[in-house]
C-alpha cells in the first residue's frame, strides 16, 4: 500500500496549488510552495503535503510575485498574439506564430525549473533561483525535455482520475523535476 502515497501526496499538493492559484498571478509562488512540500515529503518523510504547501506559500509569495506578474502578462500577450496571427496568412504571420508558440513552449520547462530550484534552495533569492532555473531547464536537453514531457503528459494520463488534470498537472511535473534535480546533484 506504500505506493498509494505516490498518488496521495501529489494529489494533496495539487489541491492546495489549485486553491492558491485562485489569485491568478499567485501560480508561480504556489508552484514553488508545491515543490517545497513535495520535497519535504520525499526527503524528510513529512506527510503533511496539503498544509505544507500553504505553510511554504508565504515564503515564496513576496520573492516570486513580481516574476509571476511579469510571466502572466507575457504569457497572456503571447497567447493573444497566437490567436490574432492564427487567422492571418502569409510568411510573416507563420514565422511570428511559430516564434510565439516556441516562446510559450520554452516557458513551461523554465517555470517548472524555477519552482524546483526555489523549492530545493528555499533560503536563496530570485537572483540565485533564476540562473539555476535557466541552467536546470536549458543546460541539458534530456532535463528540459523531461520537464516539458512531464508537463504535457500529465494532463493526458491523469484524465482517468476524477479531477486528475486539476489536481496533478502542477504537482507531478514538479515532482519529476525534484527527482531529476536530486539525481543531477548526486551525479555532480
N, C-alpha and C. Protein backbone atom coordinates (compact mmCIF):
# COMPACT_ATOMS: atom_id res chain seq x y z
N UNK A 1 0.81 -1.20 0.00
CA UNK A 1 0.00 0.00 0.00
C UNK A 1 0.86 1.27 0.00
N UNK A 2 2.16 1.12 0.20
CA UNK A 2 3.04 2.28 0.23
C UNK A 2 3.07 3.04 -1.09
N UNK A 3 2.76 2.36 -2.18
CA UNK A 3 2.77 3.02 -3.48
C UNK A 3 1.64 4.04 -3.59
N UNK A 4 0.60 3.91 -2.78
CA UNK A 4 -0.52 4.86 -2.84
C UNK A 4 -0.11 6.26 -2.42
N UNK A 5 0.93 6.36 -1.58
CA UNK A 5 1.38 7.69 -1.18
C UNK A 5 1.96 8.45 -2.36
N UNK A 6 2.45 7.74 -3.39
CA UNK A 6 2.96 8.41 -4.59
C UNK A 6 1.83 9.01 -5.41
N UNK A 7 0.60 8.66 -5.11
CA UNK A 7 -0.56 9.32 -5.71
C UNK A 7 -1.19 10.30 -4.74
N UNK A 8 -1.28 9.92 -3.47
CA UNK A 8 -1.98 10.74 -2.49
C UNK A 8 -1.27 12.07 -2.23
N UNK A 9 0.04 12.05 -2.06
CA UNK A 9 0.75 13.29 -1.76
C UNK A 9 0.76 14.27 -2.93
N UNK A 10 1.00 13.83 -4.16
CA UNK A 10 0.87 14.79 -5.27
C UNK A 10 -0.56 15.31 -5.44
N UNK A 11 -1.57 14.49 -5.18
CA UNK A 11 -2.95 14.97 -5.27
C UNK A 11 -3.22 16.02 -4.19
N UNK A 12 -2.76 15.76 -2.97
CA UNK A 12 -2.97 16.73 -1.89
C UNK A 12 -2.24 18.04 -2.18
N UNK A 13 -1.00 17.95 -2.66
CA UNK A 13 -0.25 19.16 -3.01
C UNK A 13 -0.90 19.88 -4.19
N UNK A 14 -1.40 19.11 -5.14
CA UNK A 14 -2.08 19.71 -6.29
C UNK A 14 -3.37 20.41 -5.90
N UNK A 15 -4.08 19.86 -4.93
CA UNK A 15 -5.31 20.52 -4.45
C UNK A 15 -4.98 21.85 -3.78
N UNK A 16 -3.94 21.87 -2.97
CA UNK A 16 -3.52 23.13 -2.34
C UNK A 16 -3.06 24.12 -3.40
N UNK A 17 -2.33 23.64 -4.41
CA UNK A 17 -1.89 24.51 -5.51
C UNK A 17 -3.08 25.12 -6.22
N UNK A 18 -4.10 24.31 -6.50
CA UNK A 18 -5.29 24.81 -7.20
C UNK A 18 -6.00 25.88 -6.38
N UNK A 19 -6.06 25.71 -5.08
CA UNK A 19 -6.69 26.72 -4.23
C UNK A 19 -5.89 28.02 -4.25
N UNK A 20 -4.58 27.90 -4.14
CA UNK A 20 -3.73 29.10 -4.12
C UNK A 20 -3.71 29.82 -5.47
N UNK A 21 -3.98 29.11 -6.53
CA UNK A 21 -3.97 29.73 -7.87
C UNK A 21 -5.23 30.54 -8.16
N UNK A 22 -6.17 30.54 -7.26
CA UNK A 22 -7.36 31.35 -7.46
C UNK A 22 -7.02 32.84 -7.52
N UNK A 23 -5.85 33.19 -7.04
CA UNK A 23 -5.38 34.57 -7.11
C UNK A 23 -4.81 34.95 -8.46
N UNK A 24 -4.90 34.12 -9.45
CA UNK A 24 -4.45 34.27 -10.84
C UNK A 24 -2.94 34.45 -10.95
N UNK A 25 -2.37 35.49 -10.37
CA UNK A 25 -0.93 35.71 -10.52
C UNK A 25 -0.13 35.03 -9.40
N UNK A 26 -0.78 34.26 -8.58
CA UNK A 26 -0.08 33.58 -7.49
C UNK A 26 0.38 32.18 -7.89
N UNK A 27 0.25 31.84 -9.16
CA UNK A 27 0.57 30.48 -9.61
C UNK A 27 2.05 30.13 -9.44
N UNK A 28 2.95 31.06 -9.67
CA UNK A 28 4.37 30.73 -9.56
C UNK A 28 4.81 30.54 -8.10
N UNK A 29 4.44 31.43 -7.17
CA UNK A 29 4.75 31.12 -5.78
C UNK A 29 4.06 29.84 -5.29
N UNK A 30 2.85 29.58 -5.77
CA UNK A 30 2.15 28.35 -5.39
C UNK A 30 2.87 27.12 -5.95
N UNK A 31 3.42 27.24 -7.15
CA UNK A 31 4.16 26.13 -7.75
C UNK A 31 5.44 25.85 -6.95
N UNK A 32 6.13 26.91 -6.54
CA UNK A 32 7.33 26.72 -5.71
C UNK A 32 6.97 26.13 -4.35
N UNK A 33 5.86 26.57 -3.77
CA UNK A 33 5.42 26.02 -2.49
C UNK A 33 5.04 24.54 -2.63
N UNK A 34 4.44 24.20 -3.76
CA UNK A 34 4.12 22.79 -4.03
C UNK A 34 5.39 21.97 -4.09
N UNK A 35 6.39 22.48 -4.77
CA UNK A 35 7.68 21.80 -4.82
C UNK A 35 8.32 21.67 -3.44
N UNK A 36 8.20 22.71 -2.64
CA UNK A 36 8.75 22.69 -1.29
C UNK A 36 8.09 21.59 -0.45
N UNK A 37 6.77 21.50 -0.51
CA UNK A 37 6.05 20.48 0.26
C UNK A 37 6.36 19.08 -0.24
N UNK A 38 6.45 18.91 -1.55
CA UNK A 38 6.76 17.58 -2.10
C UNK A 38 8.20 17.18 -1.78
N UNK A 39 9.09 18.14 -1.75
CA UNK A 39 10.49 17.83 -1.39
C UNK A 39 10.57 17.44 0.08
N UNK A 40 9.82 18.13 0.94
CA UNK A 40 9.80 17.76 2.36
C UNK A 40 9.23 16.36 2.55
N UNK A 41 8.25 16.00 1.76
CA UNK A 41 7.69 14.65 1.84
C UNK A 41 8.73 13.62 1.41
N UNK A 42 9.46 13.90 0.34
CA UNK A 42 10.42 12.93 -0.18
C UNK A 42 11.67 12.82 0.69
N UNK A 43 12.17 13.93 1.20
CA UNK A 43 13.45 13.89 1.90
C UNK A 43 13.29 13.74 3.42
N UNK A 44 12.25 14.32 3.98
CA UNK A 44 12.09 14.29 5.43
C UNK A 44 10.91 13.44 5.88
N UNK A 45 10.24 12.79 4.93
CA UNK A 45 9.08 11.94 5.21
C UNK A 45 7.97 12.73 5.92
N UNK A 46 7.81 13.99 5.51
CA UNK A 46 6.76 14.86 6.05
C UNK A 46 5.48 14.60 5.25
N UNK A 47 4.51 13.96 5.84
CA UNK A 47 3.29 13.59 5.15
C UNK A 47 2.24 14.68 5.07
N UNK A 48 2.56 15.87 5.54
CA UNK A 48 1.59 16.97 5.54
C UNK A 48 1.76 17.83 4.28
N UNK A 49 1.57 17.24 3.12
CA UNK A 49 1.82 17.97 1.89
C UNK A 49 0.77 19.05 1.63
N UNK A 50 -0.49 18.78 1.95
CA UNK A 50 -1.53 19.77 1.71
C UNK A 50 -1.27 21.04 2.51
N UNK A 51 -1.10 20.89 3.80
CA UNK A 51 -0.83 22.06 4.64
C UNK A 51 0.58 22.59 4.43
N UNK A 52 1.49 21.72 4.01
CA UNK A 52 2.86 22.15 3.74
C UNK A 52 2.93 23.16 2.60
N UNK A 53 2.06 23.01 1.61
CA UNK A 53 2.01 23.98 0.51
C UNK A 53 1.59 25.34 1.04
N UNK A 54 0.59 25.37 1.90
CA UNK A 54 0.13 26.64 2.46
C UNK A 54 1.19 27.27 3.37
N UNK A 55 1.88 26.44 4.15
CA UNK A 55 2.93 26.97 5.03
C UNK A 55 4.08 27.56 4.21
N UNK A 56 4.46 26.91 3.14
CA UNK A 56 5.59 27.37 2.32
C UNK A 56 5.21 28.54 1.42
N UNK A 57 3.94 28.69 1.12
CA UNK A 57 3.49 29.72 0.19
C UNK A 57 3.92 31.12 0.62
N UNK A 58 3.85 31.40 1.88
CA UNK A 58 4.20 32.73 2.38
C UNK A 58 5.65 33.10 2.12
N UNK A 59 6.53 32.11 2.18
CA UNK A 59 7.95 32.41 1.97
C UNK A 59 8.29 32.60 0.49
N UNK A 60 7.43 32.15 -0.41
CA UNK A 60 7.68 32.31 -1.84
C UNK A 60 6.87 33.44 -2.47
N UNK A 61 5.84 33.90 -1.78
CA UNK A 61 4.95 34.90 -2.38
C UNK A 61 5.68 36.20 -2.69
N UNK A 62 6.32 36.78 -1.74
CA UNK A 62 6.98 38.07 -1.96
C UNK A 62 8.12 37.98 -2.98
N UNK A 63 9.02 37.00 -2.88
CA UNK A 63 10.12 36.99 -3.85
C UNK A 63 9.67 36.68 -5.29
N UNK A 64 8.65 35.85 -5.46
CA UNK A 64 8.28 35.42 -6.81
C UNK A 64 7.07 36.15 -7.39
N UNK A 65 6.42 37.02 -6.63
CA UNK A 65 5.21 37.65 -7.13
C UNK A 65 5.48 38.55 -8.33
N UNK A 66 6.52 39.36 -8.29
CA UNK A 66 6.84 40.21 -9.44
C UNK A 66 7.14 39.39 -10.68
N UNK A 67 7.89 38.31 -10.49
CA UNK A 67 8.20 37.42 -11.61
C UNK A 67 6.92 36.78 -12.15
N UNK A 68 6.01 36.41 -11.24
CA UNK A 68 4.75 35.79 -11.66
C UNK A 68 3.87 36.77 -12.42
N UNK A 69 3.82 38.02 -11.98
CA UNK A 69 3.01 39.02 -12.68
C UNK A 69 3.57 39.25 -14.08
N UNK A 70 4.89 39.41 -14.19
CA UNK A 70 5.51 39.62 -15.50
C UNK A 70 5.32 38.40 -16.40
N UNK A 71 5.47 37.21 -15.85
CA UNK A 71 5.29 35.99 -16.65
C UNK A 71 3.85 35.83 -17.09
N UNK A 72 2.91 36.12 -16.20
CA UNK A 72 1.49 36.02 -16.55
C UNK A 72 1.15 36.99 -17.67
N UNK A 73 1.64 38.22 -17.57
CA UNK A 73 1.38 39.20 -18.62
C UNK A 73 2.04 38.78 -19.93
N UNK A 74 3.26 38.31 -19.86
CA UNK A 74 3.95 37.87 -21.07
C UNK A 74 3.29 36.67 -21.73
N UNK A 75 2.88 35.69 -20.92
CA UNK A 75 2.21 34.52 -21.47
C UNK A 75 0.85 34.87 -22.06
N UNK A 76 0.14 35.79 -21.40
CA UNK A 76 -1.14 36.23 -21.94
C UNK A 76 -0.94 36.95 -23.27
N UNK A 77 0.08 37.79 -23.33
CA UNK A 77 0.37 38.50 -24.58
C UNK A 77 0.74 37.55 -25.70
N UNK A 78 1.55 36.54 -25.38
CA UNK A 78 1.90 35.55 -26.40
C UNK A 78 0.67 34.77 -26.86
N UNK A 79 -0.20 34.42 -25.93
CA UNK A 79 -1.45 33.73 -26.30
C UNK A 79 -2.33 34.58 -27.19
N UNK A 80 -2.43 35.87 -26.88
CA UNK A 80 -3.21 36.79 -27.72
C UNK A 80 -2.56 36.92 -29.09
N UNK A 81 -1.24 36.97 -29.13
CA UNK A 81 -0.54 37.04 -30.42
C UNK A 81 -0.85 35.82 -31.28
N UNK A 82 -0.79 34.65 -30.68
CA UNK A 82 -1.08 33.42 -31.43
C UNK A 82 -2.51 33.44 -31.94
N UNK A 83 -3.46 33.83 -31.11
CA UNK A 83 -4.86 33.88 -31.53
C UNK A 83 -5.07 34.91 -32.65
N UNK A 84 -4.41 36.04 -32.54
CA UNK A 84 -4.54 37.08 -33.56
C UNK A 84 -3.90 36.65 -34.88
N UNK A 85 -2.71 36.09 -34.80
CA UNK A 85 -1.97 35.74 -36.02
C UNK A 85 -2.45 34.45 -36.66
N UNK A 86 -3.18 33.62 -35.92
CA UNK A 86 -3.65 32.35 -36.49
C UNK A 86 -4.60 32.57 -37.65
N UNK A 87 -5.32 33.66 -37.67
CA UNK A 87 -6.25 33.94 -38.75
C UNK A 87 -5.61 34.65 -39.94
N UNK A 88 -4.36 34.96 -39.85
CA UNK A 88 -3.66 35.66 -40.92
C UNK A 88 -2.94 34.67 -41.82
N UNK A 89 -2.67 35.11 -43.04
CA UNK A 89 -1.91 34.28 -43.96
C UNK A 89 -0.66 35.04 -44.39
N UNK A 90 0.25 34.32 -44.93
CA UNK A 90 1.50 34.93 -45.38
C UNK A 90 2.67 34.43 -44.57
N UNK A 91 3.86 34.55 -45.13
CA UNK A 91 5.04 34.00 -44.44
C UNK A 91 5.37 34.73 -43.14
N UNK A 92 5.16 36.03 -43.07
CA UNK A 92 5.47 36.76 -41.84
C UNK A 92 4.58 36.29 -40.69
N UNK A 93 3.29 36.07 -40.97
CA UNK A 93 2.37 35.61 -39.93
C UNK A 93 2.76 34.22 -39.44
N UNK A 94 3.16 33.34 -40.36
CA UNK A 94 3.56 31.99 -39.98
C UNK A 94 4.80 32.03 -39.09
N UNK A 95 5.77 32.85 -39.47
CA UNK A 95 7.00 32.96 -38.68
C UNK A 95 6.69 33.51 -37.28
N UNK A 96 5.85 34.53 -37.20
CA UNK A 96 5.51 35.12 -35.90
C UNK A 96 4.71 34.15 -35.03
N UNK A 97 3.81 33.38 -35.63
CA UNK A 97 3.06 32.38 -34.86
C UNK A 97 4.01 31.32 -34.32
N UNK A 98 4.92 30.84 -35.17
CA UNK A 98 5.86 29.82 -34.72
C UNK A 98 6.79 30.35 -33.62
N UNK A 99 7.19 31.60 -33.74
CA UNK A 99 8.02 32.21 -32.71
C UNK A 99 7.26 32.32 -31.39
N UNK A 100 6.02 32.76 -31.45
CA UNK A 100 5.21 32.89 -30.23
C UNK A 100 4.95 31.52 -29.60
N UNK A 101 4.67 30.52 -30.41
CA UNK A 101 4.44 29.17 -29.87
C UNK A 101 5.73 28.63 -29.26
N UNK A 102 6.85 28.88 -29.91
CA UNK A 102 8.13 28.45 -29.36
C UNK A 102 8.42 29.08 -28.01
N UNK A 103 8.12 30.37 -27.87
CA UNK A 103 8.33 31.04 -26.59
C UNK A 103 7.39 30.48 -25.52
N UNK A 104 6.14 30.19 -25.90
CA UNK A 104 5.20 29.58 -24.95
C UNK A 104 5.70 28.21 -24.48
N UNK A 105 6.20 27.42 -25.43
CA UNK A 105 6.70 26.09 -25.09
C UNK A 105 7.94 26.19 -24.21
N UNK A 106 8.82 27.14 -24.49
CA UNK A 106 10.04 27.30 -23.68
C UNK A 106 9.72 27.79 -22.28
N UNK A 107 8.61 28.49 -22.12
CA UNK A 107 8.24 28.99 -20.80
C UNK A 107 7.87 27.87 -19.84
N UNK A 108 7.38 26.76 -20.36
CA UNK A 108 6.94 25.65 -19.50
C UNK A 108 8.11 25.05 -18.71
N UNK A 109 9.17 24.56 -19.36
CA UNK A 109 10.25 23.99 -18.55
C UNK A 109 10.97 25.04 -17.70
N UNK A 110 11.02 26.28 -18.17
CA UNK A 110 11.68 27.32 -17.37
C UNK A 110 10.94 27.55 -16.06
N UNK A 111 9.62 27.71 -16.12
CA UNK A 111 8.87 27.97 -14.89
C UNK A 111 8.83 26.76 -13.97
N UNK A 112 8.77 25.56 -14.55
CA UNK A 112 8.86 24.36 -13.70
C UNK A 112 10.23 24.30 -13.03
N UNK A 113 11.28 24.60 -13.79
CA UNK A 113 12.63 24.58 -13.23
C UNK A 113 12.79 25.65 -12.16
N UNK A 114 12.19 26.81 -12.36
CA UNK A 114 12.26 27.87 -11.36
C UNK A 114 11.61 27.42 -10.05
N UNK A 115 10.46 26.77 -10.15
CA UNK A 115 9.79 26.26 -8.96
C UNK A 115 10.61 25.17 -8.28
N UNK A 116 11.22 24.30 -9.05
CA UNK A 116 12.01 23.20 -8.49
C UNK A 116 13.27 23.75 -7.81
N UNK A 117 13.95 24.66 -8.46
CA UNK A 117 15.17 25.23 -7.88
C UNK A 117 14.83 26.03 -6.62
N UNK A 118 13.75 26.79 -6.65
CA UNK A 118 13.33 27.54 -5.46
C UNK A 118 12.95 26.60 -4.33
N UNK A 119 12.31 25.50 -4.65
CA UNK A 119 11.93 24.53 -3.61
C UNK A 119 13.15 23.84 -3.02
N UNK A 120 14.14 23.58 -3.85
CA UNK A 120 15.34 22.89 -3.38
C UNK A 120 16.25 23.81 -2.58
N UNK A 121 16.17 25.10 -2.86
CA UNK A 121 17.02 26.08 -2.16
C UNK A 121 16.14 27.20 -1.59
N UNK A 122 15.34 26.90 -0.58
CA UNK A 122 14.38 27.89 -0.07
C UNK A 122 15.05 29.12 0.56
N UNK A 123 16.30 29.01 0.96
CA UNK A 123 16.99 30.15 1.56
C UNK A 123 17.56 31.10 0.52
N UNK A 124 17.47 30.73 -0.75
CA UNK A 124 18.02 31.56 -1.81
C UNK A 124 17.12 32.75 -2.12
N UNK A 125 17.43 33.40 -3.22
CA UNK A 125 16.64 34.54 -3.67
C UNK A 125 16.38 34.39 -5.16
N UNK A 126 15.58 35.28 -5.68
CA UNK A 126 15.28 35.23 -7.12
C UNK A 126 16.56 35.37 -7.93
N UNK A 127 17.52 36.13 -7.44
CA UNK A 127 18.80 36.31 -8.14
C UNK A 127 19.58 35.01 -8.26
N UNK A 128 19.40 34.11 -7.34
CA UNK A 128 20.08 32.81 -7.44
C UNK A 128 19.18 31.75 -8.08
N UNK A 129 17.86 31.90 -7.91
CA UNK A 129 16.95 30.91 -8.47
C UNK A 129 16.87 30.99 -9.99
N UNK A 130 16.84 32.20 -10.55
CA UNK A 130 16.68 32.35 -12.00
C UNK A 130 17.85 31.74 -12.77
N UNK A 131 19.11 32.04 -12.44
CA UNK A 131 20.20 31.37 -13.18
C UNK A 131 20.18 29.86 -12.99
N UNK A 132 19.85 29.40 -11.78
CA UNK A 132 19.75 27.96 -11.54
C UNK A 132 18.65 27.32 -12.36
N UNK A 133 17.54 28.03 -12.51
CA UNK A 133 16.43 27.51 -13.32
C UNK A 133 16.80 27.47 -14.79
N UNK A 134 17.47 28.50 -15.27
CA UNK A 134 17.90 28.51 -16.67
C UNK A 134 18.86 27.36 -16.95
N UNK A 135 19.80 27.13 -16.02
CA UNK A 135 20.72 26.01 -16.19
C UNK A 135 19.98 24.68 -16.13
N UNK A 136 19.05 24.56 -15.17
CA UNK A 136 18.34 23.29 -15.00
C UNK A 136 17.44 22.99 -16.19
N UNK A 137 16.76 23.98 -16.72
CA UNK A 137 15.81 23.75 -17.81
C UNK A 137 16.49 23.63 -19.17
N UNK A 138 17.52 24.45 -19.40
CA UNK A 138 18.09 24.53 -20.74
C UNK A 138 19.55 24.11 -20.82
N UNK A 139 20.17 23.76 -19.71
CA UNK A 139 21.57 23.35 -19.71
C UNK A 139 21.78 21.93 -20.19
N UNK A 140 20.72 21.18 -20.25
CA UNK A 140 20.79 19.79 -20.69
C UNK A 140 19.51 19.46 -21.45
N UNK A 141 19.67 18.93 -22.64
CA UNK A 141 18.49 18.58 -23.45
C UNK A 141 17.63 17.53 -22.76
N UNK A 142 18.20 16.48 -22.18
CA UNK A 142 17.33 15.49 -21.51
C UNK A 142 16.54 16.07 -20.33
N UNK A 143 17.15 16.98 -19.55
CA UNK A 143 16.43 17.56 -18.42
C UNK A 143 15.27 18.42 -18.90
N UNK A 144 15.54 19.31 -19.84
CA UNK A 144 14.48 20.17 -20.36
C UNK A 144 13.38 19.38 -21.03
N UNK A 145 13.76 18.35 -21.77
CA UNK A 145 12.77 17.50 -22.43
C UNK A 145 11.93 16.74 -21.41
N UNK A 146 12.56 16.28 -20.34
CA UNK A 146 11.82 15.56 -19.30
C UNK A 146 10.81 16.48 -18.62
N UNK A 147 11.21 17.72 -18.33
CA UNK A 147 10.29 18.68 -17.72
C UNK A 147 9.11 18.97 -18.65
N UNK A 148 9.41 19.24 -19.91
CA UNK A 148 8.34 19.52 -20.86
C UNK A 148 7.45 18.31 -21.07
N UNK A 149 8.05 17.14 -21.16
CA UNK A 149 7.26 15.90 -21.34
C UNK A 149 6.35 15.64 -20.16
N UNK A 150 6.86 15.88 -18.95
CA UNK A 150 6.02 15.68 -17.76
C UNK A 150 4.85 16.65 -17.76
N UNK A 151 5.10 17.89 -18.18
CA UNK A 151 4.03 18.88 -18.21
C UNK A 151 2.99 18.56 -19.27
N UNK A 152 3.40 17.96 -20.37
CA UNK A 152 2.46 17.63 -21.45
C UNK A 152 1.75 16.31 -21.17
N UNK A 153 2.47 15.33 -20.65
CA UNK A 153 1.89 14.00 -20.46
C UNK A 153 0.96 13.92 -19.25
N UNK A 154 1.21 14.70 -18.23
CA UNK A 154 0.40 14.60 -17.01
C UNK A 154 -1.08 14.85 -17.25
N UNK A 155 -1.48 15.89 -17.98
CA UNK A 155 -2.92 16.06 -18.20
C UNK A 155 -3.55 14.90 -18.97
N UNK A 156 -2.80 14.35 -19.90
CA UNK A 156 -3.33 13.25 -20.71
C UNK A 156 -3.53 12.01 -19.86
N UNK A 157 -2.50 11.63 -19.10
CA UNK A 157 -2.57 10.40 -18.33
C UNK A 157 -3.41 10.54 -17.06
N UNK A 158 -3.64 11.75 -16.61
CA UNK A 158 -4.44 11.92 -15.38
C UNK A 158 -5.92 12.06 -15.67
N UNK A 159 -6.31 11.97 -16.92
CA UNK A 159 -7.74 12.04 -17.25
C UNK A 159 -8.54 10.89 -16.65
N UNK A 160 -7.89 9.77 -16.36
CA UNK A 160 -8.60 8.62 -15.80
C UNK A 160 -8.97 8.83 -14.34
N UNK A 161 -8.32 9.77 -13.66
CA UNK A 161 -8.63 10.09 -12.28
C UNK A 161 -9.63 11.24 -12.28
N UNK A 162 -10.74 11.13 -11.55
CA UNK A 162 -11.67 12.27 -11.49
C UNK A 162 -10.95 13.53 -11.00
N UNK A 163 -11.09 14.60 -11.73
CA UNK A 163 -10.41 15.88 -11.45
C UNK A 163 -8.90 15.72 -11.49
N UNK A 164 -8.42 14.69 -12.14
CA UNK A 164 -6.99 14.42 -12.22
C UNK A 164 -6.17 15.55 -12.81
N UNK A 165 -6.56 16.10 -13.97
CA UNK A 165 -5.75 17.20 -14.50
C UNK A 165 -5.67 18.40 -13.57
N UNK A 166 -6.75 18.70 -12.88
CA UNK A 166 -6.74 19.82 -11.94
C UNK A 166 -5.80 19.55 -10.77
N UNK A 167 -5.80 18.32 -10.27
CA UNK A 167 -5.05 18.00 -9.08
C UNK A 167 -3.61 17.59 -9.34
N UNK A 168 -3.30 17.11 -10.54
CA UNK A 168 -1.98 16.56 -10.78
C UNK A 168 -1.12 17.35 -11.77
N UNK A 169 -1.70 18.27 -12.53
CA UNK A 169 -0.94 18.94 -13.59
C UNK A 169 0.20 19.80 -13.08
N UNK A 170 0.14 20.25 -11.87
CA UNK A 170 1.26 21.03 -11.32
C UNK A 170 2.18 20.16 -10.48
N UNK A 171 1.61 19.29 -9.68
CA UNK A 171 2.43 18.55 -8.71
C UNK A 171 3.28 17.47 -9.36
N UNK A 172 2.78 16.77 -10.35
CA UNK A 172 3.56 15.69 -10.96
C UNK A 172 4.77 16.24 -11.72
N UNK A 173 4.63 17.26 -12.58
CA UNK A 173 5.84 17.79 -13.22
C UNK A 173 6.85 18.35 -12.23
N UNK A 174 6.39 18.97 -11.15
CA UNK A 174 7.32 19.47 -10.13
C UNK A 174 8.01 18.29 -9.44
N UNK A 175 7.26 17.25 -9.16
CA UNK A 175 7.85 16.06 -8.54
C UNK A 175 8.89 15.42 -9.46
N UNK A 176 8.59 15.36 -10.75
CA UNK A 176 9.56 14.85 -11.73
C UNK A 176 10.81 15.73 -11.72
N UNK A 177 10.61 17.03 -11.68
CA UNK A 177 11.75 17.95 -11.62
C UNK A 177 12.59 17.76 -10.37
N UNK A 178 11.94 17.54 -9.24
CA UNK A 178 12.67 17.31 -7.99
C UNK A 178 13.49 16.02 -8.06
N UNK A 179 12.93 14.98 -8.63
CA UNK A 179 13.67 13.71 -8.78
C UNK A 179 14.86 13.92 -9.70
N UNK A 180 14.67 14.63 -10.80
CA UNK A 180 15.77 14.89 -11.73
C UNK A 180 16.84 15.74 -11.07
N UNK A 181 16.43 16.76 -10.32
CA UNK A 181 17.41 17.62 -9.63
C UNK A 181 18.21 16.82 -8.61
N UNK A 182 17.55 15.95 -7.87
CA UNK A 182 18.27 15.11 -6.90
C UNK A 182 19.29 14.22 -7.59
N UNK A 183 18.91 13.64 -8.73
CA UNK A 183 19.84 12.79 -9.48
C UNK A 183 20.98 13.60 -10.07
N UNK A 184 20.68 14.80 -10.52
CA UNK A 184 21.71 15.67 -11.08
C UNK A 184 22.72 16.06 -10.01
N UNK A 185 22.24 16.39 -8.81
CA UNK A 185 23.13 16.76 -7.72
C UNK A 185 23.92 15.57 -7.21
N UNK A 186 23.34 14.36 -7.26
CA UNK A 186 24.06 13.16 -6.83
C UNK A 186 25.19 12.82 -7.80
N UNK A 187 24.95 13.09 -9.10
CA UNK A 187 25.97 12.79 -10.11
C UNK A 187 27.12 13.79 -10.09
N UNK A 188 26.84 14.99 -9.57
CA UNK A 188 27.89 16.03 -9.58
C UNK A 188 28.93 15.82 -8.51
